[in-house]
N, C-alpha and C. Protein backbone atom coordinates (compact mmCIF):
# COMPACT_ATOMS: atom_id res chain seq x y z
N UNK A 1 16.30 13.57 20.81
CA UNK A 1 15.98 12.58 19.80
C UNK A 1 17.28 12.18 19.10
N UNK A 2 17.58 10.91 19.15
CA UNK A 2 18.84 10.42 18.60
C UNK A 2 18.67 10.00 17.14
N UNK A 3 19.81 9.77 16.52
CA UNK A 3 19.79 9.30 15.13
C UNK A 3 19.13 7.93 15.03
N UNK A 4 19.33 7.11 16.02
CA UNK A 4 18.75 5.77 16.03
C UNK A 4 17.23 5.84 16.07
N UNK A 5 16.69 6.76 16.85
CA UNK A 5 15.24 6.91 16.94
C UNK A 5 14.66 7.38 15.61
N UNK A 6 15.35 8.30 14.96
CA UNK A 6 14.89 8.80 13.66
C UNK A 6 14.90 7.67 12.63
N UNK A 7 15.97 6.88 12.61
CA UNK A 7 16.04 5.76 11.67
C UNK A 7 14.99 4.71 11.97
N UNK A 8 14.72 4.47 13.25
CA UNK A 8 13.69 3.50 13.62
C UNK A 8 12.31 3.95 13.15
N UNK A 9 12.00 5.22 13.36
CA UNK A 9 10.71 5.75 12.91
C UNK A 9 10.61 5.72 11.39
N UNK A 10 11.71 6.05 10.70
CA UNK A 10 11.71 6.01 9.23
C UNK A 10 11.50 4.59 8.72
N UNK A 11 12.14 3.62 9.37
CA UNK A 11 11.97 2.22 8.96
C UNK A 11 10.54 1.75 9.18
N UNK A 12 9.97 2.10 10.35
CA UNK A 12 8.57 1.74 10.61
C UNK A 12 7.63 2.38 9.60
N UNK A 13 7.90 3.63 9.24
CA UNK A 13 7.06 4.33 8.27
C UNK A 13 7.11 3.64 6.91
N UNK A 14 8.30 3.25 6.49
CA UNK A 14 8.42 2.58 5.19
C UNK A 14 7.74 1.21 5.21
N UNK A 15 7.83 0.50 6.32
CA UNK A 15 7.17 -0.81 6.41
C UNK A 15 5.65 -0.67 6.39
N UNK A 16 5.13 0.31 7.11
CA UNK A 16 3.68 0.53 7.10
C UNK A 16 3.22 0.95 5.70
N UNK A 17 4.00 1.80 5.04
CA UNK A 17 3.66 2.21 3.68
C UNK A 17 3.63 1.02 2.73
N UNK A 18 4.61 0.14 2.85
CA UNK A 18 4.64 -1.05 2.00
C UNK A 18 3.44 -1.96 2.27
N UNK A 19 3.08 -2.10 3.55
CA UNK A 19 1.91 -2.92 3.90
C UNK A 19 0.63 -2.33 3.32
N UNK A 20 0.50 -1.00 3.38
CA UNK A 20 -0.72 -0.36 2.91
C UNK A 20 -0.83 -0.37 1.39
N UNK A 21 0.30 -0.32 0.70
CA UNK A 21 0.28 -0.31 -0.78
C UNK A 21 0.15 -1.71 -1.38
N UNK A 22 0.53 -2.73 -0.62
CA UNK A 22 0.60 -4.08 -1.16
C UNK A 22 -0.71 -4.60 -1.76
N UNK A 23 -1.87 -4.47 -1.11
CA UNK A 23 -3.08 -5.03 -1.72
C UNK A 23 -3.42 -4.41 -3.08
N UNK A 24 -3.26 -3.10 -3.19
CA UNK A 24 -3.59 -2.44 -4.46
C UNK A 24 -2.57 -2.77 -5.54
N UNK A 25 -1.28 -2.76 -5.17
CA UNK A 25 -0.25 -3.03 -6.17
C UNK A 25 -0.29 -4.48 -6.65
N UNK A 26 -0.48 -5.42 -5.74
CA UNK A 26 -0.53 -6.83 -6.14
C UNK A 26 -1.77 -7.12 -7.00
N UNK A 27 -2.88 -6.50 -6.65
CA UNK A 27 -4.09 -6.68 -7.46
C UNK A 27 -3.89 -6.13 -8.86
N UNK A 28 -3.33 -4.94 -8.94
CA UNK A 28 -3.07 -4.33 -10.24
C UNK A 28 -2.08 -5.15 -11.06
N UNK A 29 -1.07 -5.68 -10.39
CA UNK A 29 -0.07 -6.51 -11.07
C UNK A 29 -0.70 -7.78 -11.63
N UNK A 30 -1.49 -8.46 -10.83
CA UNK A 30 -2.11 -9.72 -11.28
C UNK A 30 -3.10 -9.48 -12.41
N UNK A 31 -3.94 -8.47 -12.28
CA UNK A 31 -4.92 -8.17 -13.33
C UNK A 31 -4.21 -7.73 -14.61
N UNK A 32 -3.19 -6.90 -14.47
CA UNK A 32 -2.44 -6.45 -15.63
C UNK A 32 -1.75 -7.60 -16.35
N UNK A 33 -1.21 -8.53 -15.57
CA UNK A 33 -0.56 -9.69 -16.18
C UNK A 33 -1.57 -10.56 -16.92
N UNK A 34 -2.72 -10.78 -16.30
CA UNK A 34 -3.76 -11.58 -16.97
C UNK A 34 -4.27 -10.93 -18.24
N UNK A 35 -4.48 -9.63 -18.20
CA UNK A 35 -4.95 -8.91 -19.38
C UNK A 35 -3.89 -8.92 -20.47
N UNK A 36 -2.63 -8.73 -20.11
CA UNK A 36 -1.58 -8.74 -21.13
C UNK A 36 -1.42 -10.13 -21.76
N UNK A 37 -1.63 -11.18 -20.98
CA UNK A 37 -1.59 -12.53 -21.55
C UNK A 37 -2.75 -12.72 -22.53
N UNK A 38 -3.93 -12.22 -22.15
CA UNK A 38 -5.09 -12.29 -23.05
C UNK A 38 -4.84 -11.49 -24.32
N UNK A 39 -4.27 -10.30 -24.18
CA UNK A 39 -4.02 -9.46 -25.35
C UNK A 39 -2.98 -10.08 -26.27
N UNK A 40 -1.96 -10.70 -25.70
CA UNK A 40 -0.95 -11.32 -26.56
C UNK A 40 -1.48 -12.58 -27.23
N UNK A 41 -2.41 -13.28 -26.58
CA UNK A 41 -2.97 -14.49 -27.19
C UNK A 41 -3.95 -14.14 -28.31
N UNK A 42 -4.70 -13.05 -28.14
CA UNK A 42 -5.70 -12.68 -29.14
C UNK A 42 -5.23 -11.57 -30.08
N UNK A 43 -4.07 -11.00 -29.82
CA UNK A 43 -3.49 -9.90 -30.60
C UNK A 43 -4.42 -8.69 -30.66
N UNK A 44 -5.15 -8.45 -29.58
CA UNK A 44 -5.97 -7.25 -29.46
C UNK A 44 -5.11 -6.22 -28.73
N UNK A 45 -4.87 -5.09 -29.34
CA UNK A 45 -4.04 -4.05 -28.74
C UNK A 45 -4.89 -2.82 -28.44
N UNK A 46 -5.77 -2.96 -27.48
CA UNK A 46 -6.65 -1.87 -27.07
C UNK A 46 -6.23 -1.41 -25.68
N UNK A 47 -5.95 -0.11 -25.52
CA UNK A 47 -5.45 0.40 -24.26
C UNK A 47 -6.51 0.35 -23.16
N UNK A 48 -7.75 0.62 -23.50
CA UNK A 48 -8.80 0.62 -22.48
C UNK A 48 -9.09 -0.79 -21.96
N UNK A 49 -8.72 -1.80 -22.73
CA UNK A 49 -8.94 -3.17 -22.29
C UNK A 49 -8.09 -3.49 -21.07
N UNK A 50 -6.94 -2.88 -20.95
CA UNK A 50 -6.10 -3.12 -19.77
C UNK A 50 -6.37 -2.10 -18.66
N UNK A 51 -6.85 -0.92 -19.01
CA UNK A 51 -7.01 0.14 -18.03
C UNK A 51 -8.27 -0.04 -17.18
N UNK A 52 -9.39 -0.30 -17.80
CA UNK A 52 -10.67 -0.37 -17.10
C UNK A 52 -10.72 -1.54 -16.10
N UNK A 53 -10.31 -2.75 -16.46
CA UNK A 53 -10.32 -3.83 -15.46
C UNK A 53 -9.39 -3.57 -14.27
N UNK A 54 -8.25 -2.91 -14.53
CA UNK A 54 -7.35 -2.59 -13.42
C UNK A 54 -8.02 -1.61 -12.46
N UNK A 55 -8.68 -0.60 -12.98
CA UNK A 55 -9.37 0.38 -12.12
C UNK A 55 -10.44 -0.32 -11.28
N UNK A 56 -11.21 -1.20 -11.90
CA UNK A 56 -12.26 -1.90 -11.17
C UNK A 56 -11.67 -2.82 -10.10
N UNK A 57 -10.60 -3.55 -10.46
CA UNK A 57 -9.98 -4.47 -9.51
C UNK A 57 -9.33 -3.73 -8.34
N UNK A 58 -8.67 -2.63 -8.61
CA UNK A 58 -8.05 -1.85 -7.53
C UNK A 58 -9.13 -1.25 -6.63
N UNK A 59 -10.21 -0.78 -7.23
CA UNK A 59 -11.32 -0.27 -6.42
C UNK A 59 -11.91 -1.35 -5.52
N UNK A 60 -12.05 -2.56 -6.06
CA UNK A 60 -12.56 -3.67 -5.26
C UNK A 60 -11.59 -4.04 -4.14
N UNK A 61 -10.29 -4.00 -4.43
CA UNK A 61 -9.32 -4.33 -3.38
C UNK A 61 -9.32 -3.27 -2.28
N UNK A 62 -9.55 -2.01 -2.63
CA UNK A 62 -9.64 -0.96 -1.61
C UNK A 62 -10.89 -1.17 -0.76
N UNK A 63 -12.00 -1.54 -1.39
CA UNK A 63 -13.22 -1.80 -0.62
C UNK A 63 -13.06 -3.00 0.32
N UNK A 64 -12.36 -4.02 -0.15
CA UNK A 64 -12.20 -5.24 0.66
C UNK A 64 -11.20 -5.01 1.79
N UNK A 65 -10.06 -4.38 1.48
CA UNK A 65 -9.01 -4.25 2.49
C UNK A 65 -8.94 -2.86 3.11
N UNK A 66 -9.89 -2.00 2.83
CA UNK A 66 -9.87 -0.64 3.34
C UNK A 66 -9.94 -0.55 4.85
N UNK A 67 -10.75 -1.39 5.47
CA UNK A 67 -10.87 -1.38 6.93
C UNK A 67 -9.55 -1.76 7.58
N UNK A 68 -8.90 -2.78 7.06
CA UNK A 68 -7.60 -3.20 7.59
C UNK A 68 -6.55 -2.11 7.38
N UNK A 69 -6.57 -1.48 6.21
CA UNK A 69 -5.60 -0.42 5.92
C UNK A 69 -5.79 0.76 6.88
N UNK A 70 -7.03 1.14 7.11
CA UNK A 70 -7.31 2.26 8.00
C UNK A 70 -6.91 1.94 9.43
N UNK A 71 -7.22 0.74 9.91
CA UNK A 71 -6.86 0.38 11.28
C UNK A 71 -5.34 0.30 11.44
N UNK A 72 -4.63 -0.18 10.43
CA UNK A 72 -3.16 -0.22 10.48
C UNK A 72 -2.59 1.19 10.56
N UNK A 73 -3.12 2.09 9.77
CA UNK A 73 -2.64 3.47 9.78
C UNK A 73 -2.96 4.17 11.10
N UNK A 74 -4.13 3.92 11.64
CA UNK A 74 -4.50 4.53 12.93
C UNK A 74 -3.62 3.99 14.06
N UNK A 75 -3.35 2.68 14.06
CA UNK A 75 -2.47 2.10 15.08
C UNK A 75 -1.06 2.70 15.01
N UNK A 76 -0.55 2.85 13.80
CA UNK A 76 0.78 3.43 13.64
C UNK A 76 0.81 4.89 14.12
N UNK A 77 -0.24 5.64 13.81
CA UNK A 77 -0.31 7.03 14.25
C UNK A 77 -0.39 7.11 15.77
N UNK A 78 -1.17 6.23 16.38
CA UNK A 78 -1.25 6.21 17.85
C UNK A 78 0.11 5.88 18.47
N UNK A 79 0.83 4.95 17.87
CA UNK A 79 2.17 4.61 18.37
C UNK A 79 3.10 5.81 18.29
N UNK A 80 3.03 6.55 17.18
CA UNK A 80 3.87 7.73 17.05
C UNK A 80 3.53 8.80 18.08
N UNK A 81 2.22 9.05 18.26
CA UNK A 81 1.81 10.06 19.23
C UNK A 81 2.16 9.65 20.66
N UNK A 82 2.06 8.38 20.97
CA UNK A 82 2.42 7.91 22.30
C UNK A 82 3.93 7.96 22.53
N UNK A 83 4.73 7.92 21.47
CA UNK A 83 6.19 7.95 21.61
C UNK A 83 6.74 9.37 21.70
N UNK A 84 5.92 10.37 21.47
CA UNK A 84 6.40 11.76 21.49
C UNK A 84 7.05 12.14 22.82
N UNK A 85 6.46 11.86 23.98
CA UNK A 85 7.14 12.24 25.24
C UNK A 85 8.49 11.58 25.41
N UNK A 86 8.62 10.32 25.01
CA UNK A 86 9.92 9.64 25.12
C UNK A 86 10.93 10.22 24.16
N UNK A 87 10.48 10.63 22.97
CA UNK A 87 11.39 11.19 21.99
C UNK A 87 11.87 12.57 22.41
N UNK A 88 10.99 13.35 22.99
CA UNK A 88 11.36 14.69 23.43
C UNK A 88 12.23 14.63 24.70
N UNK A 89 11.84 13.73 25.59
CA UNK A 89 12.57 13.60 26.86
C UNK A 89 13.96 13.04 26.70
N UNK A 90 14.20 12.34 25.61
CA UNK A 90 15.54 11.81 25.37
C UNK A 90 15.81 10.47 26.05
N UNK A 91 14.81 9.86 26.65
CA UNK A 91 15.05 8.58 27.31
C UNK A 91 14.65 7.43 26.45
C-alpha cells in the first residue's frame, strides 16, 4: 500500500463525509439564520426559540435525505472492500 493510495482513500473519505453532512448542516444553517433574523426583528431573546425549530428541521432533513445518505455510505464501503485485494497486492 503506497502513500498515494492512503491519500486517495483519505480524500475520498473526507468527500463522502462532507456529502453526508451537507443536508443536515445546510438545513440547520438556514433555519438558524431565519430564526436569528426573526429574533433580531422582534427583540425576543429566547434560547429555545432557536433550538427547537433547528432540531425539527434537522430531523426532517434526515428523514428526507436518509435513504440517499445510506446508499452513498454503502456504495463507498463496497468500493473500499472491493479495493482491499489491490491494496494488499500492491498493484
